Amino acid sequence: MRSTFKLLFYINRQKIKKNGKCPVMGRITLDGKVSQYSTGEDVQPKFWDANKGRAVIHGQNPETSIELRGLNRKLEELEEKARTAYKKSVDSAGYVSAEIIKNAVTGKAQPKEHLLALFDEHNEEYAKRVGIDRTHHTYIRYLTTRKHLYNFLQYKYGVEDVTLRSIDMQFIENFHFYLSTILKLKTISLNDYLILLCKIVRLAVKRRILSRYPFTGYKLEIPPTLHRHLTGEQLAKVMAIDLPTYRLCHTRDLFVFSTFTGLGRAEMAELSERHIVTAPDGSKWIHINRQKTKVECRIKLLDIPLKIMEKYKGEGENGRLFRVPATCSLSRSLKIIGEMCGLECHLTYYMSRHTYATEICLSNGMPIETISKMMGHSSIRTTQIYAEITNQKVRRDFGKLSEETKGMYSLPDDNMPSRVYQCGRYSGWKKECDQEKNEKVP
């Protein structure tokens, strides 16, 4: 790698201190780009040789000479440190900049060259952005990934950290094996941790700690996605069952509200009076932005959601309509409800949103473009994934197709001989066809 690399020391004559000395500055020039820094030393201008970039020692008294020799020795150490940083950066990363050399000389902003050290630095910065443009949930995922990596390094290599340059394809494959066999995580769960590991490694590439991405060619195993929803019969069971506790009733009502509005748990937790809009015809609508896509949802409130709102009026805090428990609490309650109803499926809160798209909207003839707007999707392709066509709608649509096309089309009677289908394996078919044709002629 060829580059123009120059070092220069000079004094800033514009800043003269009270003792008559000027600060000594360093300048690094690399491929035309300049980076300057303060050496932390100073000297009187009359003792400075601008051509050599050093203090003049010859002809000075012994006390001054000792001081100036110490200054020159410090400058030589800084120069050697800069040249070492230049060579190390070129040899290891294949890339160097004036800013990298400056940081190495001054000892500031040294890049973290170990995996967990960089992970910790990232997590500290991420924590400061939580609530601004990052979510607490994702922050917890980063912390959990860091914990699993630490335990993996202890288990597999017997170390507390590894250098980023030692990471290769085998490393991520070993981590994958550890998550799936030792922790016994399902593919959809362990992929989250692998994705966050890849993000940290890409951060190392971006910061020029690594010259290349070590996981190039690695592909996550994507399991088939099952977008489950409740059928009309299953939904009726959930709505009709007599539940023994307030907690189960409350969870069921929230689930049903989401089933008839398509709101996710995050939007339910934020739903307040300001999101309820009354149209000129007197109907009530929900206008709320989805937290995931920031796209506004516009949903008409049907009779059942309105009754649930009236039932829990005044329950929420800070103007919110509902008191929405944490996801883990909802999951436990829904599991109990699903078992009591005999649904024979794992009932989750997100199934309410999917049921809204399929059973409530699509099965009742609502256009997919309208569903996409009501669910707050940024792309209609997302709606096509969520809104699975139910068997009931397939039968209904093909029933209509059968009625509309009945008698519309017909095939001509071409008097084709019955043995024609054997033409590929029967050599005498043409002779027999000619014989039958002659027999028909009077």
Protein backbone atom coordinates (compact mmCIF):
# COMPACT_ATOMS: atom_id res chain seq x y z
CA MET A 1 0.00 0.00 0.00
CA ARG A 2 1.57 3.28 -1.11
CA SER A 3 0.73 6.58 0.52
CA THR A 4 2.33 9.96 1.23
CA PHE A 5 2.99 9.98 4.96
CA LYS A 6 4.61 13.00 6.63
CA LEU A 7 5.15 14.09 10.24
CA LEU A 8 5.82 17.65 11.33
CA PHE A 9 6.21 19.43 14.67
CA TYR A 10 5.71 23.18 14.90
CA ILE A 11 4.87 25.85 17.45
CA ASN A 12 1.66 27.83 17.53
CA ARG A 13 2.95 31.39 17.63
CA GLN A 14 -0.62 32.73 17.85
CA LYS A 15 -1.00 31.39 21.39
CA ILE A 16 1.75 32.77 23.60
CA LYS A 17 1.43 31.87 27.27
CA LYS A 18 2.20 34.20 30.18
CA ASN A 19 5.65 32.64 30.58
CA GLY A 20 6.46 33.54 26.96
CA LYS A 21 6.26 29.98 25.67
CA CYS A 22 4.21 28.64 22.72
CA PRO A 23 2.54 25.23 22.57
CA VAL A 24 4.23 22.59 20.42
CA MET A 25 1.83 21.01 17.94
CA GLY A 26 2.02 17.88 15.82
CA ARG A 27 0.75 17.57 12.25
CA ILE A 28 0.15 14.30 10.41
CA THR A 29 -0.31 14.45 6.63
CA LEU A 30 -1.46 11.31 4.83
CA ASP A 31 -2.51 11.34 1.18
CA GLY A 32 -3.26 15.05 1.39
CA LYS A 33 -5.42 14.77 4.52
CA VAL A 34 -4.19 16.56 7.62
CA SER A 35 -4.77 15.83 11.30
CA GLN A 36 -3.32 18.07 14.01
CA TYR A 37 -2.91 17.56 17.73
CA SER A 38 -1.26 19.09 20.77
CA THR A 39 1.87 17.36 22.13
CA GLY A 40 1.27 18.81 25.59
CA GLU A 41 4.71 20.54 25.49
CA ASP A 42 5.68 24.18 25.06
CA VAL A 43 8.85 26.11 24.29
CA GLN A 44 10.03 29.70 23.86
CA PRO A 45 10.00 30.72 20.17
CA LYS A 46 13.70 31.74 20.20
CA PHE A 47 14.70 28.14 21.03
CA TRP A 48 12.71 26.56 18.15
CA ASP A 49 14.13 25.51 14.76
CA ALA A 50 11.19 25.52 12.31
CA ASN A 51 13.17 23.72 9.57
CA LYS A 52 14.12 20.75 11.76
CA GLY A 53 10.94 20.75 13.83
CA ARG A 54 13.00 20.50 17.01
CA ALA A 55 14.32 22.72 19.80
CA VAL A 56 17.79 24.24 19.39
CA ILE A 57 20.13 22.92 22.10
CA HIS A 58 23.54 24.19 20.92
CA GLY A 59 24.76 27.34 22.69
CA GLN A 60 22.28 27.23 25.57
CA ASN A 61 23.10 27.20 29.28
CA PRO A 62 23.17 23.75 31.00
CA GLU A 63 19.75 24.11 32.67
CA THR A 64 18.04 25.16 29.45
CA SER A 65 19.85 22.47 27.46
CA ILE A 66 18.51 19.71 29.78
CA GLU A 67 14.97 21.06 29.37
CA LEU A 68 15.27 21.27 25.57
CA ARG A 69 16.77 17.77 25.31
CA GLY A 70 13.79 16.44 27.23
CA LEU A 71 11.45 18.19 24.78
CA ASN A 72 13.25 16.75 21.75
CA ARG A 73 13.23 13.28 23.31
CA LYS A 74 9.45 13.53 23.83
CA LEU A 75 8.97 14.59 20.20
CA GLU A 76 11.08 11.68 18.96
CA GLU A 77 8.96 9.27 21.02
CA LEU A 78 5.77 10.71 19.49
CA GLU A 79 7.26 10.40 16.00
CA GLU A 80 8.24 6.78 16.60
CA LYS A 81 4.77 6.04 17.97
CA ALA A 82 3.18 7.54 14.85
CA ARG A 83 5.36 5.50 12.48
CA THR A 84 4.63 2.32 14.45
CA ALA A 85 0.88 3.01 14.30
CA TYR A 86 1.14 3.62 10.56
CA LYS A 87 2.93 0.30 9.93
CA LYS A 88 0.63 -1.67 12.25
CA SER A 89 -2.52 -0.30 10.63
CA VAL A 90 -1.27 -1.04 7.12
CA ASP A 91 -0.10 -4.58 7.97
CA SER A 92 -3.14 -5.65 10.00
CA ALA A 93 -6.11 -3.81 8.53
CA GLY A 94 -4.79 -2.86 5.10
CA TYR A 95 -6.07 0.65 5.73
CA VAL A 96 -4.69 3.75 7.44
CA SER A 97 -5.75 7.35 7.90
CA ALA A 98 -4.32 10.45 9.53
CA GLU A 99 -7.03 10.26 12.20
CA ILE A 100 -6.11 6.67 13.12
CA ILE A 101 -2.46 7.64 13.58
CA LYS A 102 -3.43 10.69 15.62
CA ASN A 103 -5.57 8.56 17.95
CA ALA A 104 -2.70 6.11 18.39
CA VAL A 105 -0.26 8.91 19.23
CA THR A 106 -2.52 10.74 21.67
CA GLY A 107 -3.97 7.55 23.18
CA LYS A 108 -7.51 8.78 22.62
CA ALA A 109 -10.45 6.85 21.11
CA GLN A 110 -8.47 3.65 20.70
CA PRO A 111 -10.67 1.13 18.88
CA LYS A 112 -11.82 -1.89 20.83
CA GLU A 113 -10.06 -4.87 19.26
CA HIS A 114 -11.83 -7.57 21.30
CA LEU A 115 -15.33 -8.85 20.60
CA LEU A 116 -16.97 -8.40 24.01
CA ALA A 117 -15.15 -5.10 24.61
CA LEU A 118 -16.66 -3.73 21.40
CA PHE A 119 -20.01 -5.27 22.38
CA ASP A 120 -19.91 -3.45 25.74
CA GLU A 121 -19.03 -0.14 24.07
CA HIS A 122 -21.90 -0.57 21.62
CA ASN A 123 -24.36 -1.42 24.40
CA GLU A 124 -23.36 1.64 26.44
CA GLU A 125 -24.01 3.91 23.45
CA TYR A 126 -27.26 2.07 22.64
CA ALA A 127 -28.55 2.52 26.20
CA LYS A 128 -28.29 6.31 25.84
CA ARG A 129 -30.57 6.21 22.77
CA VAL A 130 -33.29 4.07 24.36
CA GLY A 131 -36.54 6.03 24.35
CA ILE A 132 -35.24 8.40 21.65
CA ASP A 133 -34.77 6.32 18.51
CA ARG A 134 -34.16 2.88 20.04
CA THR A 135 -36.41 0.57 22.09
CA HIS A 136 -35.75 -0.97 25.48
CA HIS A 137 -36.78 -4.39 24.17
CA THR A 138 -33.99 -4.41 21.55
CA TYR A 139 -31.50 -3.18 24.15
CA ILE A 140 -32.33 -6.20 26.32
CA ARG A 141 -31.75 -8.46 23.30
CA TYR A 142 -28.25 -7.01 22.87
CA LEU A 143 -27.51 -7.62 26.56
CA THR A 144 -28.76 -11.20 26.29
CA THR A 145 -26.65 -11.82 23.19
CA ARG A 146 -23.59 -10.53 25.03
CA LYS A 147 -24.32 -12.89 27.93
CA HIS A 148 -24.67 -15.89 25.61
CA LEU A 149 -21.41 -14.99 23.84
CA TYR A 150 -19.55 -14.77 27.14
CA ASN A 151 -20.86 -18.18 28.25
CA PHE A 152 -20.02 -19.63 24.82
CA LEU A 153 -16.42 -18.39 24.99
CA GLN A 154 -16.05 -19.91 28.46
CA TYR A 155 -17.57 -23.22 27.32
CA LYS A 156 -15.83 -23.59 23.94
CA TYR A 157 -12.48 -21.83 24.32
CA GLY A 158 -12.05 -21.32 28.06
CA VAL A 159 -11.48 -17.56 27.65
CA GLU A 160 -13.38 -14.41 28.64
CA ASP A 161 -12.91 -12.59 25.32
CA VAL A 162 -11.40 -13.03 21.85
CA THR A 163 -9.78 -10.64 19.42
CA LEU A 164 -11.94 -9.59 16.53
CA ARG A 165 -9.21 -10.61 14.07
CA SER A 166 -9.39 -14.21 15.32
CA ILE A 167 -13.07 -14.53 14.39
CA ASP A 168 -13.76 -16.61 11.30
CA MET A 169 -16.56 -18.62 9.72
CA GLN A 170 -15.97 -21.51 12.11
CA PHE A 171 -16.62 -19.17 15.06
CA ILE A 172 -20.19 -18.34 14.07
CA GLU A 173 -20.89 -21.98 13.17
CA ASN A 174 -19.67 -23.05 16.62
CA PHE A 175 -21.83 -20.37 18.24
CA HIS A 176 -24.83 -21.59 16.23
CA PHE A 177 -24.15 -25.16 17.38
CA TYR A 178 -23.86 -23.99 21.01
CA LEU A 179 -27.20 -22.14 20.89
CA SER A 180 -29.04 -25.05 19.28
CA THR A 181 -27.58 -27.95 21.29
CA ILE A 182 -26.42 -26.61 24.67
CA LEU A 183 -29.12 -23.96 25.12
CA LYS A 184 -31.61 -25.96 23.01
CA LEU A 185 -33.02 -22.86 21.34
CA LYS A 186 -35.28 -23.10 18.34
CA THR A 187 -34.08 -21.73 15.02
CA ILE A 188 -36.34 -18.68 15.10
CA SER A 189 -34.95 -17.74 18.55
CA LEU A 190 -31.24 -18.36 18.00
CA ASN A 191 -31.33 -16.41 14.71
CA ASP A 192 -31.91 -13.23 16.75
CA TYR A 193 -28.61 -13.72 18.58
CA LEU A 194 -26.70 -14.59 15.40
CA ILE A 195 -28.04 -11.46 13.67
CA LEU A 196 -26.88 -9.21 16.52
CA LEU A 197 -23.43 -10.87 16.52
CA CYS A 198 -23.18 -10.14 12.79
CA LYS A 199 -24.12 -6.50 13.42
CA ILE A 200 -21.30 -6.08 15.96
CA VAL A 201 -18.79 -7.66 13.57
CA ARG A 202 -19.96 -5.35 10.78
CA LEU A 203 -19.43 -2.44 13.19
CA ALA A 204 -15.80 -3.60 13.54
CA VAL A 205 -15.44 -3.55 9.75
CA LYS A 206 -16.99 -0.07 9.61
CA ARG A 207 -14.51 1.20 12.21
CA ARG A 208 -11.62 -0.32 10.24
CA ILE A 209 -10.75 -2.73 13.06
CA LEU A 210 -11.30 -5.54 10.55
CA SER A 211 -10.33 -5.24 6.91
CA ARG A 212 -13.08 -7.61 5.74
CA TYR A 213 -16.29 -9.20 6.97
CA PRO A 214 -15.39 -12.71 8.23
CA PHE A 215 -18.88 -14.21 7.86
CA THR A 216 -19.21 -13.65 4.11
CA GLY A 217 -21.24 -16.49 2.63
CA TYR A 218 -22.85 -17.48 5.93
CA LYS A 219 -26.63 -17.82 5.66
CA LEU A 220 -29.10 -18.07 8.47
CA GLU A 221 -31.41 -21.05 8.49
CA ILE A 222 -34.87 -19.63 7.88
CA PRO A 223 -37.63 -21.93 9.16
CA PRO A 224 -40.98 -21.97 7.35
CA THR A 225 -43.21 -19.30 8.81
CA LEU A 226 -46.66 -20.34 9.99
CA HIS A 227 -49.02 -17.37 10.13
CA ARG A 228 -51.62 -18.95 12.37
CA HIS A 229 -55.01 -17.41 12.96
CA LEU A 230 -58.19 -18.47 14.71
CA THR A 231 -61.11 -19.81 12.74
CA GLY A 232 -64.58 -18.44 13.32
CA GLU A 233 -65.43 -21.42 15.54
CA GLN A 234 -62.28 -21.01 17.64
CA LEU A 235 -62.85 -17.26 18.05
CA ALA A 236 -66.43 -17.95 19.17
CA LYS A 237 -65.13 -20.34 21.83
CA VAL A 238 -62.69 -17.75 23.17
CA MET A 239 -65.40 -15.08 23.33
CA ALA A 240 -68.05 -17.32 24.91
CA ILE A 241 -66.08 -19.22 27.55
CA ASP A 242 -66.79 -18.43 31.21
CA LEU A 243 -63.42 -17.59 32.80
CA PRO A 244 -62.89 -17.91 36.60
CA THR A 245 -60.59 -14.91 37.31
CA TYR A 246 -60.44 -11.22 36.51
CA ARG A 247 -56.93 -11.58 35.06
CA LEU A 248 -58.06 -14.15 32.50
CA CYS A 249 -61.17 -12.12 31.60
CA HIS A 250 -59.10 -8.98 31.20
CA THR A 251 -56.57 -10.75 28.94
CA ARG A 252 -59.36 -12.31 26.87
CA ASP A 253 -61.04 -8.91 26.38
CA LEU A 254 -57.78 -7.31 25.26
CA PHE A 255 -57.23 -10.18 22.84
CA VAL A 256 -60.74 -9.82 21.42
CA PHE A 257 -60.31 -6.04 21.11
CA SER A 258 -57.16 -6.59 19.05
CA THR A 259 -58.95 -9.26 17.01
CA PHE A 260 -61.58 -6.72 15.94
CA THR A 261 -59.16 -3.80 15.41
CA GLY A 262 -55.87 -5.38 14.29
CA LEU A 263 -53.83 -3.49 16.90
CA GLY A 264 -50.69 -5.11 18.29
CA ARG A 265 -49.77 -5.16 21.95
CA ALA A 266 -47.51 -2.08 21.63
CA GLU A 267 -50.31 0.00 20.08
CA MET A 268 -52.80 -1.27 22.69
CA ALA A 269 -50.49 -0.08 25.47
CA GLU A 270 -50.33 3.42 23.93
CA LEU A 271 -54.00 3.72 22.91
CA SER A 272 -55.62 6.76 24.52
CA GLU A 273 -58.61 9.08 24.06
CA ARG A 274 -56.66 11.30 21.66
CA HIS A 275 -56.48 8.41 19.22
CA ILE A 276 -60.29 8.08 19.07
CA VAL A 277 -61.80 10.24 16.31
CA THR A 278 -65.54 10.71 15.69
CA ALA A 279 -66.51 10.93 12.02
CA PRO A 280 -69.28 13.24 10.71
CA ASP A 281 -71.68 10.28 10.53
CA GLY A 282 -71.15 9.58 14.24
CA SER A 283 -68.95 6.48 13.81
CA LYS A 284 -65.80 6.22 15.90
CA TRP A 285 -62.38 5.53 14.43
CA ILE A 286 -58.90 4.80 15.77
CA HIS A 287 -56.11 6.93 14.28
CA ILE A 288 -52.77 5.71 15.59
CA ASN A 289 -49.26 5.23 14.20
CA ARG A 290 -47.77 1.76 14.33
CA GLN A 291 -44.63 1.77 16.44
CA LYS A 292 -42.86 -0.61 14.05
CA THR A 293 -43.47 1.14 10.71
CA LYS A 294 -44.59 4.62 11.89
CA VAL A 295 -47.45 4.31 9.36
CA GLU A 296 -50.84 5.61 10.51
CA CYS A 297 -53.61 3.05 11.02
CA ARG A 298 -57.22 4.10 10.48
CA ILE A 299 -59.60 1.55 11.96
CA LYS A 300 -63.34 1.79 12.40
CA LEU A 301 -64.53 0.68 15.83
CA LEU A 302 -67.15 -2.05 15.58
CA ASP A 303 -69.72 -2.85 18.26
CA ILE A 304 -67.58 -5.34 20.21
CA PRO A 305 -64.52 -3.05 20.60
CA LEU A 306 -66.84 -0.21 21.68
CA LYS A 307 -68.38 -2.42 24.39
CA ILE A 308 -64.92 -3.43 25.64
CA MET A 309 -63.86 0.23 25.78
CA GLU A 310 -66.94 1.06 27.83
CA LYS A 311 -66.35 -1.92 30.12
CA TYR A 312 -62.81 -0.81 31.05
CA LYS A 313 -63.37 2.94 30.94
CA GLY A 314 -61.14 4.70 33.46
CA GLU A 315 -58.90 1.67 34.01
CA GLY A 316 -55.85 2.97 32.13
CA GLU A 317 -53.33 5.44 33.52
CA ASN A 318 -52.16 8.76 32.06
CA GLY A 319 -55.11 8.98 29.68
CA ARG A 320 -54.69 5.49 28.23
CA LEU A 321 -57.76 3.36 27.58
CA PHE A 322 -56.41 0.07 28.95
CA ARG A 323 -53.94 -1.30 31.42
CA VAL A 324 -51.96 -3.68 29.24
CA PRO A 325 -49.81 -6.27 31.08
CA ALA A 326 -46.34 -7.30 29.93
CA THR A 327 -46.03 -9.74 27.05
CA CYS A 328 -44.94 -12.60 29.31
CA SER A 329 -48.01 -12.12 31.52
CA LEU A 330 -50.33 -12.04 28.52
CA SER A 331 -48.72 -15.19 27.13
CA ARG A 332 -49.26 -17.12 30.35
CA SER A 333 -52.91 -16.10 30.54
CA LEU A 334 -53.56 -16.87 26.88
CA LYS A 335 -52.03 -20.31 27.29
CA ILE A 336 -54.51 -21.06 30.05
CA ILE A 337 -57.41 -19.68 28.00
CA GLY A 338 -56.38 -21.76 24.98
CA GLU A 339 -56.29 -24.93 27.07
CA MET A 340 -59.68 -24.19 28.65
CA CYS A 341 -61.20 -23.63 25.21
CA GLY A 342 -59.63 -26.78 23.79
CA LEU A 343 -58.21 -24.93 20.79
CA GLU A 344 -55.42 -27.47 20.23
CA CYS A 345 -53.03 -24.67 19.26
CA HIS A 346 -50.61 -22.39 21.06
CA LEU A 347 -52.63 -19.21 21.57
CA THR A 348 -50.50 -16.05 21.34
CA TYR A 349 -51.43 -12.40 21.41
CA TYR A 350 -50.15 -11.80 17.89
CA MET A 351 -52.71 -14.29 16.56
CA SER A 352 -55.35 -11.65 17.26
CA ARG A 353 -53.84 -9.34 14.65
CA HIS A 354 -53.57 -12.14 12.13
CA THR A 355 -57.13 -13.24 12.84
CA TYR A 356 -58.28 -9.68 12.18
CA ALA A 357 -56.70 -9.75 8.71
CA THR A 358 -58.03 -13.17 7.74
CA GLU A 359 -61.24 -14.05 9.58
CA ILE A 360 -62.65 -10.58 10.24
CA CYS A 361 -61.62 -8.71 7.08
CA LEU A 362 -60.49 -10.88 4.21
CA SER A 363 -63.04 -13.66 4.70
CA ASN A 364 -65.80 -11.07 4.65
CA GLY A 365 -64.77 -9.69 1.28
CA MET A 366 -62.73 -6.62 2.31
CA PRO A 367 -60.12 -5.67 -0.35
CA ILE A 368 -56.53 -6.30 0.60
CA GLU A 369 -55.62 -2.65 -0.15
CA THR A 370 -58.05 -1.51 2.56
CA ILE A 371 -56.70 -4.09 5.01
CA SER A 372 -53.16 -2.86 4.37
CA LYS A 373 -54.18 0.71 5.26
CA MET A 374 -56.06 -0.36 8.39
CA MET A 375 -53.18 -2.50 9.64
CA GLY A 376 -50.58 0.22 9.05
CA HIS A 377 -48.38 -1.76 6.67
CA SER A 378 -45.75 0.16 4.71
CA SER A 379 -46.06 -2.33 1.83
CA ILE A 380 -48.99 -4.34 0.55
CA ARG A 381 -46.66 -7.34 0.25
CA THR A 382 -46.60 -7.48 4.05
CA THR A 383 -50.38 -7.62 4.08
CA GLN A 384 -50.31 -10.52 1.64
CA ILE A 385 -48.20 -12.46 4.14
CA TYR A 386 -50.47 -11.69 7.07
CA ALA A 387 -53.77 -12.06 5.28
CA GLU A 388 -53.80 -15.77 4.48
CA ILE A 389 -56.72 -16.93 2.38
CA THR A 390 -58.95 -19.15 4.48
CA ASN A 391 -60.51 -22.36 3.15
CA GLN A 392 -63.93 -20.85 3.65
CA LYS A 393 -63.11 -17.95 1.35
CA VAL A 394 -61.55 -20.29 -1.21
CA ARG A 395 -64.77 -22.36 -1.37
CA ARG A 396 -66.89 -19.22 -1.57
CA ASP A 397 -64.81 -17.64 -4.33
CA PHE A 398 -64.68 -20.82 -6.41
CA GLY A 399 -68.42 -21.25 -5.92
CA LYS A 400 -68.94 -17.83 -7.47
CA LEU A 401 -66.50 -18.69 -10.27
CA SER A 402 -68.36 -21.92 -10.99
CA GLU A 403 -71.72 -20.15 -11.25
CA GLU A 404 -70.37 -17.32 -13.42
CA THR A 405 -68.58 -19.61 -15.88
CA LYS A 406 -71.30 -22.28 -16.11
CA GLY A 407 -72.34 -22.68 -19.77
CA MET A 408 -69.96 -19.93 -20.84
CA TYR A 409 -67.44 -22.24 -22.50
CA SER A 410 -67.73 -25.54 -24.46
CA LEU A 411 -65.56 -27.99 -26.41
CA PRO A 412 -66.42 -29.02 -30.02
CA ASP A 413 -67.32 -32.63 -30.88
CA ASP A 414 -64.37 -33.59 -33.13
CA ASN A 415 -65.21 -37.34 -33.33
CA MET A 416 -61.68 -38.19 -32.22
CA PRO A 417 -61.03 -42.01 -32.20
CA SER A 418 -60.72 -43.52 -28.76
CA ARG A 419 -57.28 -45.03 -29.43
CA VAL A 420 -55.56 -41.74 -30.24
CA TYR A 421 -54.20 -41.49 -26.70
CA GLN A 422 -52.08 -44.57 -27.48
CA CYS A 423 -50.27 -42.90 -30.38
CA GLY A 424 -47.05 -42.67 -28.46
CA ARG A 425 -46.76 -46.38 -27.77
CA TYR A 426 -48.84 -48.05 -30.49
CA SER A 427 -47.40 -48.07 -34.01
CA GLY A 428 -50.58 -49.22 -35.78
CA TRP A 429 -52.80 -46.38 -34.60
CA LYS A 430 -52.73 -44.49 -37.92
CA LYS A 431 -53.70 -47.56 -39.91
CA GLU A 432 -56.63 -48.27 -37.56
CA CYS A 433 -57.79 -44.64 -37.76
CA ASP A 434 -57.86 -44.81 -41.58
CA GLN A 435 -59.75 -48.13 -41.44
CA GLU A 436 -62.41 -46.72 -39.09
CA LYS A 437 -62.76 -43.70 -41.33
CA ASN A 438 -63.34 -45.84 -44.42
CA GLU A 439 -65.93 -47.94 -42.62
CA LYS A 440 -67.96 -44.81 -41.84
CA VAL A 441 -68.08 -43.76 -45.53
CA PRO A 442 -71.28 -45.15 -47.23
